[in-house]
Amino acid sequence: MLLTNLTDLPEEIWRDYNQRACVEQRIEALKSDLPADNFCQREFFATEAAFLSILMLFNLLGEFQLACGMTAYRQPANLRLQAFLRGAILARAGHRMVLHLSAAWGGLKKRNPLFDQLLNYELPTSRKLQLQPHAAG
């Protein structure tokens, strides 16, 4: 049973809440792939800041997957190997900065669709944050 003040159709509300059903796997990923376990600092606020930083990283990795068009969830460790762990050198060519990608990675031609998706990605906004027009009265 769900109790909500949303006025959407019940099926839409169920779909929205059902997306949260795999939260246990996400918590396990935070603990195993990101350092979100056993890192207590002396001060409470330092521990909270460290944990919130890890949560923000986790959310950014999720947005990265959406922006890349990845349809299936990838754990942070797998994502690191598949997307981020690549050889590259940042250098100058005249007055321009150039990123030289490793040929073993497949090079730029293989990754152009990924870069295009990232550059054209529009950040979604929660329905709760969308402004409703005020009725003139």
N, C-alpha and C. Protein backbone atom coordinates (compact mmCIF):
# COMPACT_ATOMS: atom_id res chain seq x y z
N MET A 1 0.84 -1.18 0.00
CA MET A 1 0.00 0.00 0.00
C MET A 1 0.89 1.24 0.00
N LEU A 2 0.59 2.17 -0.87
CA LEU A 2 1.31 3.43 -0.95
C LEU A 2 0.38 4.57 -0.57
N LEU A 3 0.92 5.49 0.20
CA LEU A 3 0.17 6.69 0.56
C LEU A 3 0.94 7.88 0.01
N THR A 4 0.28 8.67 -0.81
CA THR A 4 0.95 9.80 -1.45
C THR A 4 -0.05 10.92 -1.70
N ASN A 5 0.50 12.12 -1.92
CA ASN A 5 -0.36 13.24 -2.28
C ASN A 5 -0.28 13.54 -3.79
N LEU A 6 0.40 12.66 -4.54
CA LEU A 6 0.48 12.83 -6.00
C LEU A 6 -0.88 12.54 -6.62
N THR A 7 -1.19 13.26 -7.67
CA THR A 7 -2.49 13.09 -8.33
C THR A 7 -2.38 12.31 -9.63
N ASP A 8 -1.22 11.70 -9.87
CA ASP A 8 -1.03 10.91 -11.10
C ASP A 8 -1.85 9.63 -11.03
N LEU A 9 -1.91 8.95 -12.17
CA LEU A 9 -2.57 7.65 -12.21
C LEU A 9 -1.85 6.68 -11.28
N PRO A 10 -2.57 5.77 -10.65
CA PRO A 10 -1.92 4.81 -9.74
C PRO A 10 -0.79 4.02 -10.39
N GLU A 11 -0.93 3.67 -11.67
CA GLU A 11 0.12 2.92 -12.36
C GLU A 11 1.41 3.75 -12.47
N GLU A 12 1.26 5.03 -12.74
CA GLU A 12 2.43 5.90 -12.85
C GLU A 12 3.11 6.07 -11.51
N ILE A 13 2.34 6.20 -10.45
CA ILE A 13 2.92 6.32 -9.11
C ILE A 13 3.65 5.03 -8.75
N TRP A 14 3.04 3.89 -9.06
CA TRP A 14 3.68 2.61 -8.78
C TRP A 14 4.99 2.48 -9.54
N ARG A 15 5.00 2.87 -10.82
CA ARG A 15 6.24 2.79 -11.62
C ARG A 15 7.33 3.67 -11.03
N ASP A 16 6.93 4.86 -10.57
CA ASP A 16 7.90 5.79 -9.98
C ASP A 16 8.53 5.18 -8.72
N TYR A 17 7.70 4.65 -7.85
CA TYR A 17 8.22 4.07 -6.61
C TYR A 17 8.91 2.73 -6.86
N ASN A 18 8.49 2.00 -7.86
CA ASN A 18 9.06 0.69 -8.15
C ASN A 18 10.52 0.80 -8.61
N GLN A 19 10.90 1.95 -9.15
CA GLN A 19 12.29 2.15 -9.58
C GLN A 19 13.24 2.08 -8.39
N ARG A 20 12.74 2.27 -7.19
CA ARG A 20 13.57 2.26 -5.99
C ARG A 20 13.72 0.86 -5.40
N ALA A 21 13.17 -0.14 -6.04
CA ALA A 21 13.12 -1.48 -5.47
C ALA A 21 14.49 -2.14 -5.35
N CYS A 22 15.45 -1.73 -6.13
CA CYS A 22 16.76 -2.38 -6.10
C CYS A 22 17.76 -1.60 -5.24
N VAL A 23 17.27 -0.94 -4.21
CA VAL A 23 18.13 -0.11 -3.36
C VAL A 23 19.17 -0.95 -2.61
N GLU A 24 18.85 -2.19 -2.28
CA GLU A 24 19.81 -3.04 -1.55
C GLU A 24 21.07 -3.30 -2.38
N GLN A 25 20.91 -3.52 -3.69
CA GLN A 25 22.08 -3.71 -4.54
C GLN A 25 22.92 -2.44 -4.61
N ARG A 26 22.27 -1.29 -4.59
CA ARG A 26 23.00 -0.03 -4.64
C ARG A 26 23.81 0.18 -3.36
N ILE A 27 23.21 -0.18 -2.22
CA ILE A 27 23.94 -0.05 -0.95
C ILE A 27 25.15 -0.97 -0.95
N GLU A 28 24.99 -2.18 -1.46
CA GLU A 28 26.13 -3.12 -1.54
C GLU A 28 27.21 -2.57 -2.46
N ALA A 29 26.81 -1.93 -3.57
CA ALA A 29 27.80 -1.33 -4.47
C ALA A 29 28.54 -0.19 -3.78
N LEU A 30 27.82 0.60 -2.98
CA LEU A 30 28.48 1.67 -2.22
C LEU A 30 29.52 1.11 -1.27
N LYS A 31 29.19 0.00 -0.64
CA LYS A 31 30.10 -0.58 0.35
C LYS A 31 31.27 -1.31 -0.30
N SER A 32 31.03 -2.01 -1.41
CA SER A 32 32.10 -2.82 -1.99
C SER A 32 32.93 -2.09 -3.04
N ASP A 33 32.29 -1.30 -3.91
CA ASP A 33 33.01 -0.66 -5.01
C ASP A 33 33.52 0.73 -4.68
N LEU A 34 32.79 1.43 -3.83
CA LEU A 34 33.21 2.76 -3.39
C LEU A 34 33.52 2.67 -1.90
N PRO A 35 34.41 3.47 -1.39
CA PRO A 35 34.82 3.32 0.03
C PRO A 35 33.77 3.86 1.00
N ALA A 36 32.58 3.27 1.00
CA ALA A 36 31.51 3.76 1.87
C ALA A 36 31.29 2.86 3.08
N ASP A 37 32.31 2.12 3.48
CA ASP A 37 32.18 1.24 4.62
C ASP A 37 33.44 1.36 5.47
N ASN A 38 33.27 1.44 6.77
CA ASN A 38 34.39 1.48 7.72
C ASN A 38 35.31 2.68 7.53
N PHE A 39 34.78 3.86 7.45
CA PHE A 39 35.64 5.05 7.30
C PHE A 39 35.27 6.13 8.32
N CYS A 40 35.07 5.78 9.54
CA CYS A 40 34.65 6.73 10.56
C CYS A 40 35.77 7.73 10.87
N GLN A 41 35.43 9.00 10.85
CA GLN A 41 36.37 10.07 11.19
C GLN A 41 36.19 10.44 12.66
N ARG A 42 37.08 11.25 13.20
CA ARG A 42 36.96 11.67 14.60
C ARG A 42 35.71 12.49 14.85
N GLU A 43 35.45 13.42 13.97
CA GLU A 43 34.30 14.31 14.10
C GLU A 43 33.12 13.77 13.29
N PHE A 44 31.93 13.91 13.85
CA PHE A 44 30.73 13.44 13.15
C PHE A 44 30.57 14.13 11.81
N PHE A 45 30.77 15.46 11.77
CA PHE A 45 30.54 16.20 10.53
C PHE A 45 31.55 15.82 9.45
N ALA A 46 32.76 15.42 9.84
CA ALA A 46 33.74 14.96 8.85
C ALA A 46 33.29 13.63 8.25
N THR A 47 32.76 12.74 9.10
CA THR A 47 32.24 11.46 8.61
C THR A 47 31.05 11.70 7.68
N GLU A 48 30.16 12.60 8.08
CA GLU A 48 29.00 12.91 7.24
C GLU A 48 29.43 13.49 5.90
N ALA A 49 30.40 14.40 5.92
CA ALA A 49 30.88 15.01 4.67
C ALA A 49 31.50 13.97 3.75
N ALA A 50 32.28 13.05 4.32
CA ALA A 50 32.89 11.99 3.50
C ALA A 50 31.81 11.10 2.89
N PHE A 51 30.83 10.72 3.70
CA PHE A 51 29.77 9.85 3.19
C PHE A 51 28.93 10.55 2.13
N LEU A 52 28.60 11.81 2.34
CA LEU A 52 27.83 12.55 1.34
C LEU A 52 28.62 12.72 0.04
N SER A 53 29.93 12.85 0.13
CA SER A 53 30.76 12.93 -1.08
C SER A 53 30.70 11.62 -1.87
N ILE A 54 30.71 10.51 -1.15
CA ILE A 54 30.62 9.20 -1.81
C ILE A 54 29.25 9.04 -2.46
N LEU A 55 28.19 9.47 -1.77
CA LEU A 55 26.85 9.40 -2.36
C LEU A 55 26.74 10.27 -3.61
N MET A 56 27.36 11.45 -3.58
CA MET A 56 27.33 12.32 -4.75
C MET A 56 28.07 11.66 -5.91
N LEU A 57 29.22 11.04 -5.64
CA LEU A 57 29.95 10.32 -6.68
C LEU A 57 29.10 9.20 -7.27
N PHE A 58 28.43 8.46 -6.40
CA PHE A 58 27.56 7.37 -6.85
C PHE A 58 26.46 7.90 -7.77
N ASN A 59 25.83 9.01 -7.38
CA ASN A 59 24.78 9.61 -8.20
C ASN A 59 25.33 10.14 -9.53
N LEU A 60 26.53 10.72 -9.51
CA LEU A 60 27.15 11.18 -10.76
C LEU A 60 27.46 10.02 -11.69
N LEU A 61 27.90 8.89 -11.13
CA LEU A 61 28.14 7.71 -11.96
C LEU A 61 26.83 7.20 -12.58
N GLY A 62 25.74 7.28 -11.83
CA GLY A 62 24.43 6.90 -12.38
C GLY A 62 24.00 7.82 -13.51
N GLU A 63 24.19 9.12 -13.32
CA GLU A 63 23.86 10.08 -14.39
C GLU A 63 24.75 9.87 -15.61
N PHE A 64 26.02 9.54 -15.37
CA PHE A 64 26.93 9.25 -16.48
C PHE A 64 26.41 8.08 -17.30
N GLN A 65 25.92 7.04 -16.62
CA GLN A 65 25.39 5.88 -17.34
C GLN A 65 24.16 6.26 -18.16
N LEU A 66 23.30 7.09 -17.60
CA LEU A 66 22.12 7.55 -18.35
C LEU A 66 22.54 8.39 -19.55
N ALA A 67 23.51 9.27 -19.34
CA ALA A 67 23.97 10.16 -20.41
C ALA A 67 24.61 9.37 -21.55
N CYS A 68 25.25 8.26 -21.21
CA CYS A 68 25.91 7.44 -22.24
C CYS A 68 24.93 6.51 -22.94
N GLY A 69 23.71 6.45 -22.45
CA GLY A 69 22.72 5.57 -23.06
C GLY A 69 22.87 4.13 -22.62
N MET A 70 23.52 3.89 -21.50
CA MET A 70 23.66 2.53 -20.99
C MET A 70 22.31 2.09 -20.44
N THR A 71 21.79 1.00 -20.96
CA THR A 71 20.46 0.56 -20.55
C THR A 71 20.47 -0.29 -19.29
N ALA A 72 21.54 -1.00 -19.04
CA ALA A 72 21.63 -1.85 -17.85
C ALA A 72 22.55 -1.18 -16.82
N TYR A 73 22.22 -1.35 -15.55
CA TYR A 73 23.04 -0.79 -14.47
C TYR A 73 24.40 -1.49 -14.45
N ARG A 74 25.44 -0.71 -14.29
CA ARG A 74 26.79 -1.26 -14.13
C ARG A 74 27.32 -0.80 -12.79
N GLN A 75 27.90 -1.73 -12.05
CA GLN A 75 28.47 -1.38 -10.76
C GLN A 75 29.67 -0.46 -10.99
N PRO A 76 29.99 0.40 -10.00
CA PRO A 76 31.10 1.33 -10.16
C PRO A 76 32.42 0.68 -10.57
N ALA A 77 32.74 -0.49 -10.03
CA ALA A 77 33.99 -1.16 -10.40
C ALA A 77 34.00 -1.55 -11.88
N ASN A 78 32.86 -2.07 -12.39
CA ASN A 78 32.77 -2.43 -13.81
C ASN A 78 32.80 -1.19 -14.69
N LEU A 79 32.13 -0.15 -14.26
CA LEU A 79 32.10 1.09 -15.02
C LEU A 79 33.50 1.69 -15.11
N ARG A 80 34.24 1.60 -14.03
CA ARG A 80 35.61 2.12 -14.02
C ARG A 80 36.45 1.41 -15.08
N LEU A 81 36.33 0.09 -15.18
CA LEU A 81 37.10 -0.66 -16.17
C LEU A 81 36.61 -0.41 -17.58
N GLN A 82 35.30 -0.29 -17.77
CA GLN A 82 34.73 -0.17 -19.11
C GLN A 82 34.80 1.24 -19.68
N ALA A 83 34.75 2.25 -18.82
CA ALA A 83 34.63 3.62 -19.34
C ALA A 83 35.78 4.54 -18.97
N PHE A 84 36.32 4.41 -17.77
CA PHE A 84 37.26 5.43 -17.30
C PHE A 84 38.73 5.03 -17.36
N LEU A 85 39.03 3.75 -17.20
CA LEU A 85 40.42 3.31 -17.10
C LEU A 85 41.01 3.16 -18.50
N ARG A 86 41.44 4.25 -19.07
CA ARG A 86 41.98 4.26 -20.43
C ARG A 86 43.24 5.13 -20.46
N GLY A 87 44.17 4.71 -21.27
CA GLY A 87 45.39 5.48 -21.42
C GLY A 87 45.16 6.71 -22.29
N ALA A 88 45.66 7.85 -21.83
CA ALA A 88 45.53 9.08 -22.60
C ALA A 88 46.62 10.06 -22.15
N ILE A 89 46.97 10.94 -23.03
CA ILE A 89 47.96 11.98 -22.72
C ILE A 89 47.36 13.32 -23.12
N LEU A 90 47.39 14.27 -22.21
CA LEU A 90 46.94 15.62 -22.50
C LEU A 90 48.17 16.43 -22.90
N ALA A 91 48.15 16.97 -24.12
CA ALA A 91 49.33 17.67 -24.64
C ALA A 91 48.88 18.91 -25.41
N ARG A 92 49.85 19.65 -25.89
CA ARG A 92 49.58 20.84 -26.70
C ARG A 92 49.92 20.55 -28.16
N ALA A 93 49.10 21.09 -29.04
CA ALA A 93 49.37 21.07 -30.48
C ALA A 93 49.23 22.52 -30.92
N GLY A 94 50.34 23.22 -30.99
CA GLY A 94 50.29 24.65 -31.25
C GLY A 94 49.77 25.35 -30.02
N HIS A 95 48.67 26.09 -30.19
CA HIS A 95 48.06 26.80 -29.07
C HIS A 95 46.82 26.08 -28.51
N ARG A 96 46.61 24.84 -28.95
CA ARG A 96 45.42 24.09 -28.53
C ARG A 96 45.81 22.92 -27.65
N MET A 97 44.94 22.62 -26.67
CA MET A 97 45.11 21.43 -25.86
C MET A 97 44.51 20.25 -26.62
N VAL A 98 45.22 19.12 -26.64
CA VAL A 98 44.79 17.94 -27.38
C VAL A 98 44.85 16.74 -26.45
N LEU A 99 43.85 15.88 -26.53
CA LEU A 99 43.82 14.65 -25.76
C LEU A 99 44.13 13.50 -26.70
N HIS A 100 45.26 12.84 -26.47
CA HIS A 100 45.66 11.68 -27.27
C HIS A 100 45.17 10.43 -26.56
N LEU A 101 44.27 9.67 -27.21
CA LEU A 101 43.72 8.46 -26.62
C LEU A 101 44.53 7.24 -27.04
N SER A 102 44.61 6.27 -26.16
CA SER A 102 45.33 5.04 -26.44
C SER A 102 44.67 4.28 -27.58
N ALA A 103 45.48 3.74 -28.47
CA ALA A 103 44.95 2.94 -29.58
C ALA A 103 44.35 1.63 -29.06
N ALA A 104 44.86 1.12 -27.94
CA ALA A 104 44.33 -0.11 -27.36
C ALA A 104 42.90 0.08 -26.89
N TRP A 105 42.50 1.30 -26.63
CA TRP A 105 41.16 1.61 -26.17
C TRP A 105 40.17 1.59 -27.33
N GLY A 106 40.64 1.61 -28.53
CA GLY A 106 39.77 1.65 -29.69
C GLY A 106 39.80 3.00 -30.37
N GLY A 107 40.45 3.97 -29.71
CA GLY A 107 40.60 5.28 -30.32
C GLY A 107 39.33 6.11 -30.32
N LEU A 108 39.47 7.30 -30.86
CA LEU A 108 38.38 8.27 -30.84
C LEU A 108 37.21 7.86 -31.73
N LYS A 109 37.49 7.25 -32.88
CA LYS A 109 36.40 6.89 -33.79
C LYS A 109 35.42 5.93 -33.14
N LYS A 110 35.93 5.03 -32.34
CA LYS A 110 35.07 4.07 -31.65
C LYS A 110 34.28 4.74 -30.52
N ARG A 111 34.84 5.81 -29.94
CA ARG A 111 34.21 6.46 -28.80
C ARG A 111 33.42 7.72 -29.16
N ASN A 112 33.43 8.15 -30.41
CA ASN A 112 32.68 9.34 -30.81
C ASN A 112 31.20 9.28 -30.45
N PRO A 113 30.51 8.15 -30.66
CA PRO A 113 29.10 8.10 -30.26
C PRO A 113 28.91 8.34 -28.75
N LEU A 114 29.82 7.82 -27.95
CA LEU A 114 29.77 8.04 -26.50
C LEU A 114 29.92 9.51 -26.18
N PHE A 115 30.91 10.16 -26.77
CA PHE A 115 31.13 11.59 -26.53
C PHE A 115 29.95 12.42 -27.03
N ASP A 116 29.38 12.06 -28.17
CA ASP A 116 28.22 12.78 -28.69
C ASP A 116 27.03 12.68 -27.73
N GLN A 117 26.79 11.48 -27.20
CA GLN A 117 25.69 11.31 -26.25
C GLN A 117 25.93 12.13 -24.99
N LEU A 118 27.16 12.16 -24.51
CA LEU A 118 27.48 12.93 -23.32
C LEU A 118 27.28 14.42 -23.54
N LEU A 119 27.72 14.92 -24.69
CA LEU A 119 27.61 16.35 -24.97
C LEU A 119 26.17 16.80 -25.22
N ASN A 120 25.32 15.90 -25.70
CA ASN A 120 23.93 16.26 -26.01
C ASN A 120 22.95 15.88 -24.91
N TYR A 121 23.44 15.38 -23.80
CA TYR A 121 22.57 14.92 -22.71
C TYR A 121 21.94 16.11 -21.99
N GLU A 122 20.63 16.02 -21.77
CA GLU A 122 19.92 17.05 -21.01
C GLU A 122 19.60 16.48 -19.63
N LEU A 123 20.00 17.20 -18.61
CA LEU A 123 19.76 16.73 -17.25
C LEU A 123 18.27 16.71 -16.95
N PRO A 124 17.76 15.58 -16.44
CA PRO A 124 16.34 15.52 -16.10
C PRO A 124 16.06 16.30 -14.83
N THR A 125 14.85 16.78 -14.70
CA THR A 125 14.42 17.50 -13.51
C THR A 125 13.29 16.72 -12.85
N SER A 126 13.36 16.58 -11.55
CA SER A 126 12.32 15.89 -10.81
C SER A 126 11.01 16.63 -10.95
N ARG A 127 9.91 15.86 -10.97
CA ARG A 127 8.59 16.50 -11.05
C ARG A 127 8.37 17.40 -9.85
N LYS A 128 8.98 17.09 -8.74
CA LYS A 128 8.81 17.88 -7.53
C LYS A 128 9.46 19.26 -7.66
N LEU A 129 10.43 19.38 -8.55
CA LEU A 129 11.14 20.66 -8.72
C LEU A 129 10.59 21.49 -9.86
N GLN A 130 9.71 20.95 -10.65
CA GLN A 130 9.15 21.72 -11.76
C GLN A 130 8.13 22.71 -11.21
N LEU A 131 8.29 23.94 -11.64
CA LEU A 131 7.42 25.00 -11.15
C LEU A 131 6.05 24.93 -11.80
N GLN A 132 5.04 25.12 -11.02
CA GLN A 132 3.67 25.16 -11.52
C GLN A 132 3.25 26.62 -11.63
N PRO A 133 2.61 27.01 -12.72
CA PRO A 133 2.17 28.41 -12.85
C PRO A 133 1.10 28.73 -11.80
N HIS A 134 1.19 29.92 -11.24
CA HIS A 134 0.20 30.37 -10.25
C HIS A 134 -1.04 30.88 -10.97
N ALA A 135 -2.18 30.54 -10.42
CA ALA A 135 -3.43 31.05 -10.99
C ALA A 135 -3.62 32.50 -10.56
N ALA A 136 -3.93 33.34 -11.53
CA ALA A 136 -4.16 34.78 -11.23
C ALA A 136 -5.47 34.90 -10.47
N GLY A 137 -5.43 35.63 -9.41
CA GLY A 137 -6.67 35.72 -8.68
C GLY A 137 -6.75 36.94 -7.95
